[in-house]
């Protein structure tokens, strides 16, 4: 079975929280700040596991899909 890499997978392997992995991978600045060491480790793990964000999951989470439907 083909397993899609998730934020949880990255966080577990990088030994950080899912929230911190999310902040680093989404490039968000806010209340959670990542140290340079954690940032580097998270990005390395994401590259190693071939992480690509799931656009459908992001759209559901944000309640936006940025999709346009065309009817003919």
PDB file of N, CA and C in Angstrom:
ATOM      1  N   UNK A   1       0.830  -1.181   0.000  1.00  0.00           N
ATOM      2  CA  UNK A   1       0.000   0.000   0.000  1.00  0.00           C
ATOM      3  C   UNK A   1       0.873   1.242   0.000  1.00  0.00           C
ATOM      4  N   UNK A   2       0.481   2.238  -0.769  1.00  0.00           N
ATOM      5  CA  UNK A   2       1.248   3.468  -0.895  1.00  0.00           C
ATOM      6  C   UNK A   2       0.813   4.439   0.201  1.00  0.00           C
ATOM      7  N   UNK A   3       1.727   4.783   1.116  1.00  0.00           N
ATOM      8  CA  UNK A   3       1.418   5.658   2.246  1.00  0.00           C
ATOM      9  C   UNK A   3       1.802   7.091   1.908  1.00  0.00           C
ATOM     10  N   UNK A   4       0.862   8.014   2.049  1.00  0.00           N
ATOM     11  CA  UNK A   4       1.116   9.432   1.832  1.00  0.00           C
ATOM     12  C   UNK A   4       1.673  10.015   3.130  1.00  0.00           C
ATOM     13  N   UNK A   5       2.788  10.712   3.046  1.00  0.00           N
ATOM     14  CA  UNK A   5       3.417  11.294   4.220  1.00  0.00           C
ATOM     15  C   UNK A   5       2.546  12.398   4.797  1.00  0.00           C
ATOM     16  N   UNK A   6       2.373  12.374   6.111  1.00  0.00           N
ATOM     17  CA  UNK A   6       1.551  13.367   6.794  1.00  0.00           C
ATOM     18  C   UNK A   6       2.408  14.229   7.718  1.00  0.00           C
ATOM     19  N   UNK A   7       1.821  15.310   8.206  1.00  0.00           N
ATOM     20  CA  UNK A   7       2.514  16.149   9.185  1.00  0.00           C
ATOM     21  C   UNK A   7       2.874  15.335  10.423  1.00  0.00           C
ATOM     22  N   UNK A   8       1.997  14.421  10.796  1.00  0.00           N
ATOM     23  CA  UNK A   8       2.261  13.589  11.973  1.00  0.00           C
ATOM     24  C   UNK A   8       3.520  12.746  11.763  1.00  0.00           C
ATOM     25  N   UNK A   9       3.692  12.186  10.565  1.00  0.00           N
ATOM     26  CA  UNK A   9       4.885  11.396  10.256  1.00  0.00           C
ATOM     27  C   UNK A   9       6.146  12.241  10.401  1.00  0.00           C
ATOM     28  N   UNK A  10       6.083  13.445   9.858  1.00  0.00           N
ATOM     29  CA  UNK A  10       7.246  14.343   9.904  1.00  0.00           C
ATOM     30  C   UNK A  10       7.549  14.739  11.343  1.00  0.00           C
ATOM     31  N   UNK A  11       6.514  15.111  12.089  1.00  0.00           N
ATOM     32  CA  UNK A  11       6.702  15.531  13.476  1.00  0.00           C
ATOM     33  C   UNK A  11       7.305  14.408  14.319  1.00  0.00           C
ATOM     34  N   UNK A  12       6.815  13.189  14.144  1.00  0.00           N
ATOM     35  CA  UNK A  12       7.339  12.059  14.914  1.00  0.00           C
ATOM     36  C   UNK A  12       8.804  11.807  14.602  1.00  0.00           C
ATOM     37  N   UNK A  13       9.145  11.817  13.316  1.00  0.00           N
ATOM     38  CA  UNK A  13      10.528  11.527  12.931  1.00  0.00           C
ATOM     39  C   UNK A  13      11.481  12.649  13.332  1.00  0.00           C
ATOM     40  N   UNK A  14      10.992  13.912  13.285  1.00  0.00           N
ATOM     41  CA  UNK A  14      11.832  15.061  13.656  1.00  0.00           C
ATOM     42  C   UNK A  14      11.816  15.310  15.161  1.00  0.00           C
ATOM     43  N   UNK A  15      10.967  14.548  15.884  1.00  0.00           N
ATOM     44  CA  UNK A  15      10.845  14.671  17.334  1.00  0.00           C
ATOM     45  C   UNK A  15      10.412  16.079  17.758  1.00  0.00           C
ATOM     46  N   UNK A  16       9.372  16.578  17.072  1.00  0.00           N
ATOM     47  CA  UNK A  16       8.767  17.870  17.406  1.00  0.00           C
ATOM     48  C   UNK A  16       7.250  17.687  17.415  1.00  0.00           C
ATOM     49  N   UNK A  17       6.531  18.725  17.825  1.00  0.00           N
ATOM     50  CA  UNK A  17       5.070  18.647  17.820  1.00  0.00           C
ATOM     51  C   UNK A  17       4.540  18.816  16.395  1.00  0.00           C
ATOM     52  N   UNK A  18       3.317  18.348  16.184  1.00  0.00           N
ATOM     53  CA  UNK A  18       2.674  18.513  14.886  1.00  0.00           C
ATOM     54  C   UNK A  18       2.493  20.003  14.593  1.00  0.00           C
ATOM     55  N   UNK A  19       2.155  20.778  15.628  1.00  0.00           N
ATOM     56  CA  UNK A  19       1.960  22.223  15.449  1.00  0.00           C
ATOM     57  C   UNK A  19       3.242  22.898  14.962  1.00  0.00           C
ATOM     58  N   UNK A  20       4.369  22.528  15.534  1.00  0.00           N
ATOM     59  CA  UNK A  20       5.640  23.128  15.131  1.00  0.00           C
ATOM     60  C   UNK A  20       5.995  22.728  13.699  1.00  0.00           C
ATOM     61  N   UNK A  21       5.774  21.475  13.355  1.00  0.00           N
ATOM     62  CA  UNK A  21       6.031  21.029  11.984  1.00  0.00           C
ATOM     63  C   UNK A  21       5.150  21.795  11.006  1.00  0.00           C
ATOM     64  N   UNK A  22       3.901  22.016  11.375  1.00  0.00           N
ATOM     65  CA  UNK A  22       2.975  22.764  10.530  1.00  0.00           C
ATOM     66  C   UNK A  22       3.440  24.200  10.329  1.00  0.00           C
ATOM     67  N   UNK A  23       3.851  24.845  11.401  1.00  0.00           N
ATOM     68  CA  UNK A  23       4.326  26.230  11.325  1.00  0.00           C
ATOM     69  C   UNK A  23       5.517  26.331  10.379  1.00  0.00           C
ATOM     70  N   UNK A  24       6.456  25.424  10.511  1.00  0.00           N
ATOM     71  CA  UNK A  24       7.657  25.460   9.669  1.00  0.00           C
ATOM     72  C   UNK A  24       7.310  25.184   8.207  1.00  0.00           C
ATOM     73  N   UNK A  25       6.530  24.152   7.945  1.00  0.00           N
ATOM     74  CA  UNK A  25       6.233  23.771   6.564  1.00  0.00           C
ATOM     75  C   UNK A  25       5.304  24.756   5.860  1.00  0.00           C
ATOM     76  N   UNK A  26       4.467  25.455   6.634  1.00  0.00           N
ATOM     77  CA  UNK A  26       3.567  26.434   6.038  1.00  0.00           C
ATOM     78  C   UNK A  26       4.141  27.845   6.037  1.00  0.00           C
ATOM     79  N   UNK A  27       5.311  28.013   6.643  1.00  0.00           N
ATOM     80  CA  UNK A  27       5.970  29.315   6.661  1.00  0.00           C
ATOM     81  C   UNK A  27       5.228  30.362   7.462  1.00  0.00           C
ATOM     82  N   UNK A  28       4.473  29.930   8.465  1.00  0.00           N
ATOM     83  CA  UNK A  28       3.689  30.868   9.266  1.00  0.00           C
ATOM     84  C   UNK A  28       4.518  31.395  10.421  1.00  0.00           C
ATOM     85  N   UNK A  29       4.314  32.658  10.699  1.00  0.00           N
ATOM     86  CA  UNK A  29       4.919  33.275  11.879  1.00  0.00           C
ATOM     87  C   UNK A  29       3.790  33.531  12.857  1.00  0.00           C
ATOM     88  N   UNK A  30       4.040  33.349  14.104  1.00  0.00           N
ATOM     89  CA  UNK A  30       2.980  33.549  15.085  1.00  0.00           C
ATOM     90  C   UNK A  30       3.507  33.294  16.476  1.00  0.00           C
ATOM     91  N   UNK A  31       2.622  32.737  17.301  1.00  0.00           N
ATOM     92  CA  UNK A  31       3.013  32.484  18.687  1.00  0.00           C
ATOM     93  C   UNK A  31       4.030  31.365  18.799  1.00  0.00           C
ATOM     94  N   UNK A  32       4.019  30.447  17.870  1.00  0.00           N
ATOM     95  CA  UNK A  32       4.965  29.330  17.912  1.00  0.00           C
ATOM     96  C   UNK A  32       6.168  29.686  17.048  1.00  0.00           C
ATOM     97  N   UNK A  33       7.329  29.691  17.646  1.00  0.00           N
ATOM     98  CA  UNK A  33       8.567  29.994  16.927  1.00  0.00           C
ATOM     99  C   UNK A  33       9.455  28.752  16.927  1.00  0.00           C
ATOM    100  N   UNK A  34      10.038  28.460  15.787  1.00  0.00           N
ATOM    101  CA  UNK A  34      10.924  27.304  15.667  1.00  0.00           C
ATOM    102  C   UNK A  34      12.366  27.765  15.716  1.00  0.00           C
ATOM    103  N   UNK A  35      13.163  27.040  16.447  1.00  0.00           N
ATOM    104  CA  UNK A  35      14.594  27.346  16.479  1.00  0.00           C
ATOM    105  C   UNK A  35      15.192  26.971  15.124  1.00  0.00           C
ATOM    106  N   UNK A  36      16.328  27.556  14.790  1.00  0.00           N
ATOM    107  CA  UNK A  36      16.969  27.195  13.520  1.00  0.00           C
ATOM    108  C   UNK A  36      17.272  25.697  13.422  1.00  0.00           C
ATOM    109  N   UNK A  37      17.617  25.069  14.543  1.00  0.00           N
ATOM    110  CA  UNK A  37      17.921  23.639  14.538  1.00  0.00           C
ATOM    111  C   UNK A  37      16.668  22.823  14.225  1.00  0.00           C
ATOM    112  N   UNK A  38      15.552  23.170  14.872  1.00  0.00           N
ATOM    113  CA  UNK A  38      14.306  22.451  14.609  1.00  0.00           C
ATOM    114  C   UNK A  38      13.831  22.673  13.182  1.00  0.00           C
ATOM    115  N   UNK A  39      13.940  23.911  12.708  1.00  0.00           N
ATOM    116  CA  UNK A  39      13.532  24.220  11.338  1.00  0.00           C
ATOM    117  C   UNK A  39      14.315  23.376  10.349  1.00  0.00           C
ATOM    118  N   UNK A  40      15.613  23.313  10.535  1.00  0.00           N
ATOM    119  CA  UNK A  40      16.469  22.536   9.637  1.00  0.00           C
ATOM    120  C   UNK A  40      16.092  21.054   9.684  1.00  0.00           C
ATOM    121  N   UNK A  41      15.892  20.525  10.892  1.00  0.00           N
ATOM    122  CA  UNK A  41      15.556  19.108  11.049  1.00  0.00           C
ATOM    123  C   UNK A  41      14.207  18.788  10.403  1.00  0.00           C
ATOM    124  N   UNK A  42      13.212  19.651  10.593  1.00  0.00           N
ATOM    125  CA  UNK A  42      11.883  19.424  10.010  1.00  0.00           C
ATOM    126  C   UNK A  42      11.966  19.447   8.490  1.00  0.00           C
ATOM    127  N   UNK A  43      12.669  20.411   7.925  1.00  0.00           N
ATOM    128  CA  UNK A  43      12.786  20.503   6.470  1.00  0.00           C
ATOM    129  C   UNK A  43      13.550  19.314   5.889  1.00  0.00           C
ATOM    130  N   UNK A  44      14.564  18.846   6.595  1.00  0.00           N
ATOM    131  CA  UNK A  44      15.322  17.676   6.135  1.00  0.00           C
ATOM    132  C   UNK A  44      14.441  16.421   6.147  1.00  0.00           C
ATOM    133  N   UNK A  45      13.677  16.241   7.218  1.00  0.00           N
ATOM    134  CA  UNK A  45      12.791  15.076   7.307  1.00  0.00           C
ATOM    135  C   UNK A  45      11.719  15.142   6.223  1.00  0.00           C
ATOM    136  N   UNK A  46      11.158  16.324   6.000  1.00  0.00           N
ATOM    137  CA  UNK A  46      10.131  16.484   4.963  1.00  0.00           C
ATOM    138  C   UNK A  46      10.693  16.123   3.589  1.00  0.00           C
ATOM    139  N   UNK A  47      11.914  16.549   3.301  1.00  0.00           N
ATOM    140  CA  UNK A  47      12.540  16.220   2.020  1.00  0.00           C
ATOM    141  C   UNK A  47      12.827  14.723   1.933  1.00  0.00           C
ATOM    142  N   UNK A  48      13.308  14.146   3.019  1.00  0.00           N
ATOM    143  CA  UNK A  48      13.627  12.715   3.057  1.00  0.00           C
ATOM    144  C   UNK A  48      12.385  11.857   2.809  1.00  0.00           C
ATOM    145  N   UNK A  49      11.241  12.295   3.357  1.00  0.00           N
ATOM    146  CA  UNK A  49      10.002  11.534   3.223  1.00  0.00           C
ATOM    147  C   UNK A  49       9.179  11.958   2.001  1.00  0.00           C
ATOM    148  N   UNK A  50       9.747  12.842   1.178  1.00  0.00           N
ATOM    149  CA  UNK A  50       9.069  13.339  -0.035  1.00  0.00           C
ATOM    150  C   UNK A  50       7.695  13.915   0.278  1.00  0.00           C
ATOM    151  N   UNK A  51       7.636  14.782   1.292  1.00  0.00           N
ATOM    152  CA  UNK A  51       6.375  15.390   1.694  1.00  0.00           C
ATOM    153  C   UNK A  51       5.894  16.401   0.672  1.00  0.00           C
ATOM    154  N   UNK A  52       4.629  16.281   0.279  1.00  0.00           N
ATOM    155  CA  UNK A  52       3.969  17.297  -0.537  1.00  0.00           C
ATOM    156  C   UNK A  52       2.633  17.592   0.123  1.00  0.00           C
ATOM    157  N   UNK A  53       2.315  18.871   0.297  1.00  0.00           N
ATOM    158  CA  UNK A  53       1.048  19.213   0.942  1.00  0.00           C
ATOM    159  C   UNK A  53      -0.136  18.712   0.119  1.00  0.00           C
ATOM    160  N   UNK A  54      -1.173  18.269   0.802  1.00  0.00           N
ATOM    161  CA  UNK A  54      -2.375  17.782   0.154  1.00  0.00           C
ATOM    162  C   UNK A  54      -3.334  18.962  -0.022  1.00  0.00           C
ATOM    163  N   UNK A  55      -3.542  19.400  -1.262  1.00  0.00           N
ATOM    164  CA  UNK A  55      -4.374  20.568  -1.545  1.00  0.00           C
ATOM    165  C   UNK A  55      -5.818  20.349  -1.112  1.00  0.00           C
ATOM    166  N   UNK A  56      -6.328  19.139  -1.255  1.00  0.00           N
ATOM    167  CA  UNK A  56      -7.704  18.860  -0.842  1.00  0.00           C
ATOM    168  C   UNK A  56      -7.859  18.971   0.670  1.00  0.00           C
ATOM    169  N   UNK A  57      -6.926  18.440   1.408  1.00  0.00           N
ATOM    170  CA  UNK A  57      -6.986  18.517   2.865  1.00  0.00           C
ATOM    171  C   UNK A  57      -6.865  19.968   3.322  1.00  0.00           C
ATOM    172  N   UNK A  58      -5.987  20.713   2.703  1.00  0.00           N
ATOM    173  CA  UNK A  58      -5.818  22.120   3.055  1.00  0.00           C
ATOM    174  C   UNK A  58      -7.102  22.898   2.771  1.00  0.00           C
ATOM    175  N   UNK A  59      -7.739  22.621   1.637  1.00  0.00           N
ATOM    176  CA  UNK A  59      -8.980  23.296   1.288  1.00  0.00           C
ATOM    177  C   UNK A  59     -10.084  23.013   2.292  1.00  0.00           C
ATOM    178  N   UNK A  60     -10.175  21.762   2.746  1.00  0.00           N
ATOM    179  CA  UNK A  60     -11.172  21.412   3.756  1.00  0.00           C
ATOM    180  C   UNK A  60     -10.893  22.124   5.072  1.00  0.00           C
ATOM    181  N   UNK A  61      -9.639  22.168   5.449  1.00  0.00           N
ATOM    182  CA  UNK A  61      -9.257  22.785   6.720  1.00  0.00           C
ATOM    183  C   UNK A  61      -9.506  24.289   6.708  1.00  0.00           C
ATOM    184  N   UNK A  62      -9.199  24.929   5.590  1.00  0.00           N
ATOM    185  CA  UNK A  62      -9.351  26.381   5.485  1.00  0.00           C
ATOM    186  C   UNK A  62     -10.754  26.783   5.045  1.00  0.00           C
ATOM    187  N   UNK A  63     -11.587  25.807   4.684  1.00  0.00           N
ATOM    188  CA  UNK A  63     -12.931  26.046   4.161  1.00  0.00           C
ATOM    189  C   UNK A  63     -12.873  26.870   2.875  1.00  0.00           C
ATOM    190  N   UNK A  64     -11.798  26.682   2.117  1.00  0.00           N
ATOM    191  CA  UNK A  64     -11.623  27.323   0.816  1.00  0.00           C
ATOM    192  C   UNK A  64     -10.945  26.316  -0.091  1.00  0.00           C
ATOM    193  N   UNK A  65     -11.350  26.267  -1.339  1.00  0.00           N
ATOM    194  CA  UNK A  65     -10.722  25.303  -2.247  1.00  0.00           C
ATOM    195  C   UNK A  65      -9.988  25.990  -3.388  1.00  0.00           C
ATOM    196  N   UNK A  66     -10.312  27.252  -3.657  1.00  0.00           N
ATOM    197  CA  UNK A  66      -9.720  27.996  -4.765  1.00  0.00           C
ATOM    198  C   UNK A  66      -9.951  27.277  -6.092  1.00  0.00           C
ATOM    199  N   UNK A  67     -11.066  26.555  -6.165  1.00  0.00           N
ATOM    200  CA  UNK A  67     -11.446  25.852  -7.395  1.00  0.00           C
ATOM    201  C   UNK A  67     -12.585  26.607  -8.055  1.00  0.00           C
ATOM    202  N   UNK A  68     -12.579  26.606  -9.361  1.00  0.00           N
ATOM    203  CA  UNK A  68     -13.649  27.233 -10.128  1.00  0.00           C
ATOM    204  C   UNK A  68     -14.326  26.155 -10.951  1.00  0.00           C
ATOM    205  N   UNK A  69     -15.641  26.109 -10.855  1.00  0.00           N
ATOM    206  CA  UNK A  69     -16.403  25.137 -11.638  1.00  0.00           C
ATOM    207  C   UNK A  69     -16.966  25.792 -12.883  1.00  0.00           C
ATOM    208  N   UNK A  70     -16.927  25.091 -13.977  1.00  0.00           N
ATOM    209  CA  UNK A  70     -17.463  25.604 -15.228  1.00  0.00           C
ATOM    210  C   UNK A  70     -18.527  24.636 -15.719  1.00  0.00           C
ATOM    211  N   UNK A  71     -19.695  25.167 -15.961  1.00  0.00           N
ATOM    212  CA  UNK A  71     -20.789  24.367 -16.487  1.00  0.00           C
ATOM    213  C   UNK A  71     -21.048  24.762 -17.917  1.00  0.00           C
ATOM    214  N   UNK A  72     -21.304  23.793 -18.749  1.00  0.00           N
ATOM    215  CA  UNK A  72     -21.598  24.140 -20.140  1.00  0.00           C
ATOM    216  C   UNK A  72     -22.964  23.660 -20.534  1.00  0.00           C
TER     217      UNK A  72
END
